[in-house]
Amino acid sequence: MNKARHYHEMTTDELNAAHSSLKNELFNLRFQQTTGQLKSPLQIRTVKKDIARVLTVLKERELGIEKKKGGKK
């Protein structure tokens, strides 16, 4: 299961909790980067993309947009 589909299956409350958790994780990763303790800078990029996915799903729900089933495989 890809991440986008995983986020689409979550409830709005779960998405808000995930957004908060990801923002905290991003803050911690940036702090580690500043102090020189971050082992993989790719982690920051991954978390930022996950935040964008969550915000996209929340906005789609706000606007009433539904994804069509049977898209690209």
N, C-alpha and C. Protein backbone atom coordinates (compact mmCIF):
# COMPACT_ATOMS: atom_id res chain seq x y z
N MET A 1 0.85 -1.18 0.00
CA MET A 1 0.00 0.00 0.00
C MET A 1 0.89 1.24 0.00
N ASN A 2 0.60 2.15 -0.91
CA ASN A 2 1.42 3.35 -0.96
C ASN A 2 0.97 4.34 0.12
N LYS A 3 1.79 5.32 0.39
CA LYS A 3 1.52 6.27 1.47
C LYS A 3 0.29 7.11 1.21
N ALA A 4 0.09 7.53 -0.02
CA ALA A 4 -1.06 8.38 -0.33
C ALA A 4 -2.36 7.64 -0.05
N ARG A 5 -2.44 6.40 -0.45
CA ARG A 5 -3.64 5.61 -0.20
C ARG A 5 -3.84 5.42 1.29
N HIS A 6 -2.75 5.23 2.01
CA HIS A 6 -2.82 5.07 3.46
C HIS A 6 -3.44 6.32 4.10
N TYR A 7 -3.04 7.49 3.66
CA TYR A 7 -3.57 8.73 4.21
C TYR A 7 -5.03 8.93 3.82
N HIS A 8 -5.43 8.49 2.64
CA HIS A 8 -6.81 8.63 2.20
C HIS A 8 -7.75 7.77 3.05
N GLU A 9 -7.22 6.68 3.60
CA GLU A 9 -8.05 5.78 4.40
C GLU A 9 -8.19 6.24 5.85
N MET A 10 -7.42 7.23 6.26
CA MET A 10 -7.48 7.73 7.63
C MET A 10 -8.65 8.69 7.80
N THR A 11 -9.13 8.81 9.05
CA THR A 11 -10.17 9.79 9.35
C THR A 11 -9.53 11.17 9.45
N THR A 12 -10.37 12.19 9.45
CA THR A 12 -9.86 13.56 9.53
C THR A 12 -9.12 13.80 10.84
N ASP A 13 -9.64 13.26 11.94
CA ASP A 13 -8.96 13.41 13.23
C ASP A 13 -7.59 12.73 13.22
N GLU A 14 -7.53 11.56 12.61
CA GLU A 14 -6.25 10.85 12.51
C GLU A 14 -5.26 11.64 11.64
N LEU A 15 -5.76 12.27 10.58
CA LEU A 15 -4.90 13.07 9.71
C LEU A 15 -4.36 14.29 10.47
N ASN A 16 -5.21 14.93 11.26
CA ASN A 16 -4.75 16.07 12.04
C ASN A 16 -3.69 15.64 13.06
N ALA A 17 -3.89 14.48 13.68
CA ALA A 17 -2.90 13.96 14.63
C ALA A 17 -1.60 13.62 13.91
N ALA A 18 -1.70 13.03 12.73
CA ALA A 18 -0.51 12.68 11.95
C ALA A 18 0.24 13.94 11.54
N HIS A 19 -0.50 14.99 11.16
CA HIS A 19 0.13 16.26 10.77
C HIS A 19 0.90 16.84 11.94
N SER A 20 0.30 16.84 13.11
CA SER A 20 0.97 17.36 14.30
C SER A 20 2.23 16.55 14.62
N SER A 21 2.11 15.25 14.53
CA SER A 21 3.24 14.36 14.82
C SER A 21 4.37 14.58 13.81
N LEU A 22 4.03 14.71 12.54
CA LEU A 22 5.05 14.92 11.51
C LEU A 22 5.74 16.28 11.66
N LYS A 23 4.99 17.30 12.06
CA LYS A 23 5.59 18.62 12.28
C LYS A 23 6.60 18.56 13.43
N ASN A 24 6.25 17.83 14.49
CA ASN A 24 7.18 17.65 15.61
C ASN A 24 8.42 16.89 15.17
N GLU A 25 8.22 15.85 14.36
CA GLU A 25 9.34 15.07 13.87
C GLU A 25 10.26 15.93 13.00
N LEU A 26 9.67 16.77 12.15
CA LEU A 26 10.47 17.66 11.30
C LEU A 26 11.29 18.63 12.15
N PHE A 27 10.67 19.17 13.19
CA PHE A 27 11.39 20.07 14.09
C PHE A 27 12.59 19.35 14.72
N ASN A 28 12.36 18.13 15.19
CA ASN A 28 13.45 17.37 15.82
C ASN A 28 14.55 17.06 14.82
N LEU A 29 14.18 16.72 13.59
CA LEU A 29 15.20 16.43 12.57
C LEU A 29 16.01 17.67 12.23
N ARG A 30 15.34 18.81 12.13
CA ARG A 30 16.08 20.05 11.85
C ARG A 30 17.01 20.40 13.00
N PHE A 31 16.56 20.15 14.20
CA PHE A 31 17.41 20.40 15.37
C PHE A 31 18.64 19.49 15.34
N GLN A 32 18.42 18.22 15.00
CA GLN A 32 19.54 17.28 14.88
C GLN A 32 20.50 17.72 13.78
N GLN A 33 19.96 18.23 12.69
CA GLN A 33 20.81 18.68 11.59
C GLN A 33 21.68 19.86 12.03
N THR A 34 21.08 20.77 12.78
CA THR A 34 21.81 21.95 13.25
C THR A 34 22.94 21.57 14.20
N THR A 35 22.68 20.58 15.04
CA THR A 35 23.69 20.16 16.01
C THR A 35 24.66 19.13 15.45
N GLY A 36 24.46 18.73 14.18
CA GLY A 36 25.38 17.79 13.55
C GLY A 36 25.13 16.34 13.91
N GLN A 37 23.96 16.03 14.44
CA GLN A 37 23.66 14.66 14.86
C GLN A 37 22.80 13.89 13.85
N LEU A 38 22.35 14.56 12.80
CA LEU A 38 21.49 13.91 11.81
C LEU A 38 22.32 12.97 10.95
N LYS A 39 21.88 11.70 10.89
CA LYS A 39 22.64 10.70 10.15
C LYS A 39 22.29 10.70 8.67
N SER A 40 21.03 10.99 8.35
CA SER A 40 20.60 10.96 6.95
C SER A 40 19.74 12.18 6.63
N PRO A 41 20.25 13.11 5.84
CA PRO A 41 19.46 14.28 5.46
C PRO A 41 18.20 13.92 4.66
N LEU A 42 18.17 12.73 4.10
CA LEU A 42 17.01 12.28 3.34
C LEU A 42 15.77 12.18 4.23
N GLN A 43 15.95 11.99 5.52
CA GLN A 43 14.83 11.90 6.45
C GLN A 43 14.00 13.19 6.44
N ILE A 44 14.66 14.33 6.36
CA ILE A 44 13.96 15.61 6.35
C ILE A 44 13.07 15.70 5.12
N ARG A 45 13.61 15.32 3.98
CA ARG A 45 12.86 15.37 2.72
C ARG A 45 11.65 14.44 2.77
N THR A 46 11.83 13.26 3.34
CA THR A 46 10.74 12.29 3.44
C THR A 46 9.62 12.81 4.33
N VAL A 47 9.96 13.39 5.46
CA VAL A 47 8.96 13.91 6.39
C VAL A 47 8.22 15.09 5.76
N LYS A 48 8.93 15.95 5.04
CA LYS A 48 8.29 17.09 4.38
C LYS A 48 7.27 16.61 3.33
N LYS A 49 7.61 15.55 2.61
CA LYS A 49 6.69 15.01 1.61
C LYS A 49 5.47 14.38 2.28
N ASP A 50 5.68 13.72 3.42
CA ASP A 50 4.55 13.15 4.15
C ASP A 50 3.62 14.24 4.67
N ILE A 51 4.19 15.35 5.13
CA ILE A 51 3.37 16.48 5.58
C ILE A 51 2.54 17.00 4.41
N ALA A 52 3.15 17.11 3.25
CA ALA A 52 2.44 17.59 2.06
C ALA A 52 1.31 16.63 1.68
N ARG A 53 1.55 15.34 1.80
CA ARG A 53 0.51 14.36 1.48
C ARG A 53 -0.69 14.51 2.42
N VAL A 54 -0.40 14.67 3.72
CA VAL A 54 -1.47 14.82 4.70
C VAL A 54 -2.27 16.09 4.42
N LEU A 55 -1.57 17.19 4.16
CA LEU A 55 -2.26 18.45 3.89
C LEU A 55 -3.08 18.38 2.61
N THR A 56 -2.60 17.64 1.62
CA THR A 56 -3.34 17.48 0.37
C THR A 56 -4.64 16.73 0.61
N VAL A 57 -4.59 15.66 1.38
CA VAL A 57 -5.80 14.88 1.66
C VAL A 57 -6.79 15.73 2.46
N LEU A 58 -6.29 16.49 3.44
CA LEU A 58 -7.18 17.35 4.22
C LEU A 58 -7.85 18.40 3.33
N LYS A 59 -7.10 18.99 2.40
CA LYS A 59 -7.66 20.01 1.51
C LYS A 59 -8.67 19.39 0.55
N GLU A 60 -8.38 18.18 0.05
CA GLU A 60 -9.33 17.50 -0.82
C GLU A 60 -10.65 17.27 -0.10
N ARG A 61 -10.58 16.88 1.16
CA ARG A 61 -11.81 16.66 1.93
C ARG A 61 -12.54 17.97 2.17
N GLU A 62 -11.80 19.03 2.42
CA GLU A 62 -12.41 20.34 2.64
C GLU A 62 -13.16 20.80 1.40
N LEU A 63 -12.60 20.53 0.23
CA LEU A 63 -13.21 20.95 -1.04
C LEU A 63 -14.21 19.93 -1.59
N GLY A 64 -14.28 18.76 -0.97
CA GLY A 64 -15.20 17.74 -1.44
C GLY A 64 -14.74 17.01 -2.68
N ILE A 65 -13.45 16.94 -2.86
CA ILE A 65 -12.87 16.26 -4.03
C ILE A 65 -12.64 14.80 -3.68
N GLU A 66 -13.08 13.91 -4.58
CA GLU A 66 -12.84 12.48 -4.38
C GLU A 66 -11.92 11.98 -5.47
N LYS A 67 -11.02 11.10 -5.08
CA LYS A 67 -10.14 10.46 -6.06
C LYS A 67 -10.91 9.38 -6.78
N LYS A 68 -10.76 9.29 -8.10
CA LYS A 68 -11.40 8.25 -8.86
C LYS A 68 -10.64 6.95 -8.67
N LYS A 69 -11.40 5.87 -8.52
CA LYS A 69 -10.77 4.56 -8.37
C LYS A 69 -10.38 4.04 -9.74
N GLY A 70 -9.33 3.22 -9.76
CA GLY A 70 -8.90 2.62 -11.00
C GLY A 70 -7.98 3.51 -11.81
N GLY A 71 -7.21 4.35 -11.11
CA GLY A 71 -6.28 5.23 -11.80
C GLY A 71 -5.06 4.48 -12.26
N LYS A 72 -3.92 5.15 -12.30
CA LYS A 72 -2.68 4.52 -12.74
C LYS A 72 -2.34 3.33 -11.86
N LYS A 73 -1.74 2.33 -12.46
CA LYS A 73 -1.31 1.15 -11.71
C LYS A 73 0.17 1.06 -11.69
